[in-house]
């Protein structure tokens, strides 16, 4: 839980938001934000979700058995496990998702008589 709270607090300060500003944007009280960050309350999952979304983040519940593989995947920058690195490596999933979509090539109908 403390990792989540640390990440939320880091995101808030990086965004230059005060407790009051985050509270207003998230629709919660300033005290909720302050007490959550200070670990004076055990926040509801719904509160964590709304704070995260307000800060442009998502929370993801992951089965413990998948966590090590998922952490390795994230640390690798989205490269498949066991994928070779270097120039000959295929692009990562993240690289592919960040590329703009190619324009679709639709046939242009002719205007002539048939």
C-alpha atoms as a PDB file:
ATOM      1  CA  UNK A   1       0.000   0.000   0.000  1.00  0.00           C
ATOM      2  CA  UNK A   2       2.788   2.444   0.810  1.00  0.00           C
ATOM      3  CA  UNK A   3       4.160   2.155  -2.757  1.00  0.00           C
ATOM      4  CA  UNK A   4       0.800   3.280  -4.111  1.00  0.00           C
ATOM      5  CA  UNK A   5       0.603   6.167  -1.671  1.00  0.00           C
ATOM      6  CA  UNK A   6       4.193   7.200  -2.462  1.00  0.00           C
ATOM      7  CA  UNK A   7       3.459   7.147  -6.196  1.00  0.00           C
ATOM      8  CA  UNK A   8       0.288   9.207  -5.770  1.00  0.00           C
ATOM      9  CA  UNK A   9       2.092  11.783  -3.622  1.00  0.00           C
ATOM     10  CA  UNK A  10       4.998  11.957  -6.091  1.00  0.00           C
ATOM     11  CA  UNK A  11       2.572  12.443  -8.988  1.00  0.00           C
ATOM     12  CA  UNK A  12       0.718  15.189  -7.107  1.00  0.00           C
ATOM     13  CA  UNK A  13       3.873  17.122  -6.276  1.00  0.00           C
ATOM     14  CA  UNK A  14       5.280  16.619  -9.796  1.00  0.00           C
ATOM     15  CA  UNK A  15       2.044  18.087 -11.167  1.00  0.00           C
ATOM     16  CA  UNK A  16       2.446  21.091  -8.854  1.00  0.00           C
ATOM     17  CA  UNK A  17      -0.848  20.430  -7.097  1.00  0.00           C
ATOM     18  CA  UNK A  18      -1.580  21.209  -3.479  1.00  0.00           C
ATOM     19  CA  UNK A  19      -3.703  18.904  -1.352  1.00  0.00           C
ATOM     20  CA  UNK A  20      -6.598  21.327  -1.849  1.00  0.00           C
ATOM     21  CA  UNK A  21      -6.208  21.427  -5.633  1.00  0.00           C
ATOM     22  CA  UNK A  22      -6.078  17.635  -5.955  1.00  0.00           C
ATOM     23  CA  UNK A  23      -9.066  17.310  -3.640  1.00  0.00           C
ATOM     24  CA  UNK A  24     -11.132  19.730  -5.730  1.00  0.00           C
ATOM     25  CA  UNK A  25     -10.262  18.001  -9.014  1.00  0.00           C
ATOM     26  CA  UNK A  26     -10.909  14.542  -7.538  1.00  0.00           C
ATOM     27  CA  UNK A  27     -14.123  15.467  -5.723  1.00  0.00           C
ATOM     28  CA  UNK A  28     -12.853  14.496  -2.281  1.00  0.00           C
ATOM     29  CA  UNK A  29     -12.042  16.540   0.793  1.00  0.00           C
ATOM     30  CA  UNK A  30      -8.644  18.136   1.405  1.00  0.00           C
ATOM     31  CA  UNK A  31      -8.482  16.176   4.673  1.00  0.00           C
ATOM     32  CA  UNK A  32      -8.912  12.916   2.764  1.00  0.00           C
ATOM     33  CA  UNK A  33      -5.913  13.728   0.568  1.00  0.00           C
ATOM     34  CA  UNK A  34      -3.794  14.900   3.508  1.00  0.00           C
ATOM     35  CA  UNK A  35      -4.665  11.992   5.784  1.00  0.00           C
ATOM     36  CA  UNK A  36      -4.178   9.472   2.967  1.00  0.00           C
ATOM     37  CA  UNK A  37      -0.699  10.785   2.153  1.00  0.00           C
ATOM     38  CA  UNK A  38       0.192  10.937   5.863  1.00  0.00           C
ATOM     39  CA  UNK A  39      -1.064   7.344   6.251  1.00  0.00           C
ATOM     40  CA  UNK A  40      -3.433   8.417   9.011  1.00  0.00           C
ATOM     41  CA  UNK A  41      -6.311   6.579   7.348  1.00  0.00           C
ATOM     42  CA  UNK A  42      -6.587   3.357   5.423  1.00  0.00           C
ATOM     43  CA  UNK A  43      -8.112   4.711   2.199  1.00  0.00           C
ATOM     44  CA  UNK A  44     -10.851   2.967   0.300  1.00  0.00           C
ATOM     45  CA  UNK A  45      -9.952   1.475  -3.051  1.00  0.00           C
ATOM     46  CA  UNK A  46     -12.458   3.856  -4.648  1.00  0.00           C
ATOM     47  CA  UNK A  47     -10.576   6.836  -3.156  1.00  0.00           C
ATOM     48  CA  UNK A  48      -7.246   5.553  -4.480  1.00  0.00           C
ATOM     49  CA  UNK A  49      -8.787   5.024  -7.907  1.00  0.00           C
ATOM     50  CA  UNK A  50     -10.222   8.544  -8.123  1.00  0.00           C
ATOM     51  CA  UNK A  51      -6.975  10.129  -6.925  1.00  0.00           C
ATOM     52  CA  UNK A  52      -4.936   8.088  -9.406  1.00  0.00           C
ATOM     53  CA  UNK A  53      -7.241   8.889 -12.330  1.00  0.00           C
ATOM     54  CA  UNK A  54      -7.209  12.574 -11.440  1.00  0.00           C
ATOM     55  CA  UNK A  55      -3.410  12.444 -11.629  1.00  0.00           C
ATOM     56  CA  UNK A  56      -3.502  10.674 -15.008  1.00  0.00           C
ATOM     57  CA  UNK A  57      -2.688   7.258 -13.577  1.00  0.00           C
ATOM     58  CA  UNK A  58      -4.462   3.908 -13.399  1.00  0.00           C
ATOM     59  CA  UNK A  59      -4.320   1.323 -10.660  1.00  0.00           C
ATOM     60  CA  UNK A  60      -4.098  -2.269 -11.771  1.00  0.00           C
ATOM     61  CA  UNK A  61      -4.746  -5.303  -9.610  1.00  0.00           C
ATOM     62  CA  UNK A  62      -2.375  -8.081 -10.644  1.00  0.00           C
ATOM     63  CA  UNK A  63      -2.292 -11.659  -9.372  1.00  0.00           C
ATOM     64  CA  UNK A  64       0.786 -12.190  -7.195  1.00  0.00           C
ATOM     65  CA  UNK A  65       1.936 -15.038  -9.404  1.00  0.00           C
ATOM     66  CA  UNK A  66       2.166 -12.681 -12.422  1.00  0.00           C
ATOM     67  CA  UNK A  67       3.760  -9.737 -10.639  1.00  0.00           C
ATOM     68  CA  UNK A  68       7.443 -10.684 -11.180  1.00  0.00           C
ATOM     69  CA  UNK A  69       6.899 -11.203 -14.927  1.00  0.00           C
ATOM     70  CA  UNK A  70       4.912  -7.989 -15.221  1.00  0.00           C
ATOM     71  CA  UNK A  71       7.567  -6.007 -13.355  1.00  0.00           C
ATOM     72  CA  UNK A  72      10.262  -7.457 -15.651  1.00  0.00           C
ATOM     73  CA  UNK A  73       8.166  -6.516 -18.678  1.00  0.00           C
ATOM     74  CA  UNK A  74       7.699  -2.929 -17.474  1.00  0.00           C
ATOM     75  CA  UNK A  75      11.384  -2.558 -16.571  1.00  0.00           C
ATOM     76  CA  UNK A  76      12.352  -3.800 -20.032  1.00  0.00           C
ATOM     77  CA  UNK A  77      10.388  -0.992 -21.655  1.00  0.00           C
ATOM     78  CA  UNK A  78       7.690  -3.267 -23.008  1.00  0.00           C
ATOM     79  CA  UNK A  79       9.990  -5.748 -24.695  1.00  0.00           C
ATOM     80  CA  UNK A  80       8.911  -9.358 -24.675  1.00  0.00           C
ATOM     81  CA  UNK A  81      10.659 -11.536 -22.143  1.00  0.00           C
ATOM     82  CA  UNK A  82      13.643 -13.273 -23.660  1.00  0.00           C
ATOM     83  CA  UNK A  83      13.722 -10.884 -26.599  1.00  0.00           C
ATOM     84  CA  UNK A  84      17.240  -9.993 -27.683  1.00  0.00           C
ATOM     85  CA  UNK A  85      18.285  -6.391 -27.242  1.00  0.00           C
ATOM     86  CA  UNK A  86      20.173  -4.296 -29.740  1.00  0.00           C
ATOM     87  CA  UNK A  87      19.833  -3.219 -33.328  1.00  0.00           C
ATOM     88  CA  UNK A  88      18.540  -6.576 -34.563  1.00  0.00           C
ATOM     89  CA  UNK A  89      15.749  -6.744 -32.006  1.00  0.00           C
ATOM     90  CA  UNK A  90      12.169  -6.274 -33.163  1.00  0.00           C
ATOM     91  CA  UNK A  91      10.444  -3.099 -31.968  1.00  0.00           C
ATOM     92  CA  UNK A  92       8.843  -3.271 -28.554  1.00  0.00           C
ATOM     93  CA  UNK A  93       5.119  -3.269 -28.026  1.00  0.00           C
ATOM     94  CA  UNK A  94       5.444   0.188 -26.478  1.00  0.00           C
ATOM     95  CA  UNK A  95       7.280   1.503 -29.559  1.00  0.00           C
ATOM     96  CA  UNK A  96       4.557   0.129 -31.814  1.00  0.00           C
ATOM     97  CA  UNK A  97       1.790   1.675 -29.734  1.00  0.00           C
ATOM     98  CA  UNK A  98       3.484   5.086 -29.746  1.00  0.00           C
ATOM     99  CA  UNK A  99       3.746   5.222 -33.542  1.00  0.00           C
ATOM    100  CA  UNK A 100       0.981   7.164 -35.280  1.00  0.00           C
ATOM    101  CA  UNK A 101      -1.513   5.040 -37.139  1.00  0.00           C
ATOM    102  CA  UNK A 102      -0.903   4.727 -40.859  1.00  0.00           C
ATOM    103  CA  UNK A 103      -3.580   6.415 -42.987  1.00  0.00           C
ATOM    104  CA  UNK A 104      -6.000   3.981 -44.541  1.00  0.00           C
ATOM    105  CA  UNK A 105      -5.763   3.576 -48.299  1.00  0.00           C
ATOM    106  CA  UNK A 106      -9.273   3.517 -49.695  1.00  0.00           C
ATOM    107  CA  UNK A 107      -9.791   3.247 -53.439  1.00  0.00           C
ATOM    108  CA  UNK A 108     -10.901   6.496 -55.028  1.00  0.00           C
ATOM    109  CA  UNK A 109     -14.121   5.977 -57.028  1.00  0.00           C
ATOM    110  CA  UNK A 110     -13.873   6.925 -60.673  1.00  0.00           C
ATOM    111  CA  UNK A 111     -16.139   9.672 -62.017  1.00  0.00           C
ATOM    112  CA  UNK A 112     -16.241   8.410 -65.578  1.00  0.00           C
ATOM    113  CA  UNK A 113     -19.107   6.562 -67.344  1.00  0.00           C
ATOM    114  CA  UNK A 114     -19.140   2.813 -67.198  1.00  0.00           C
END
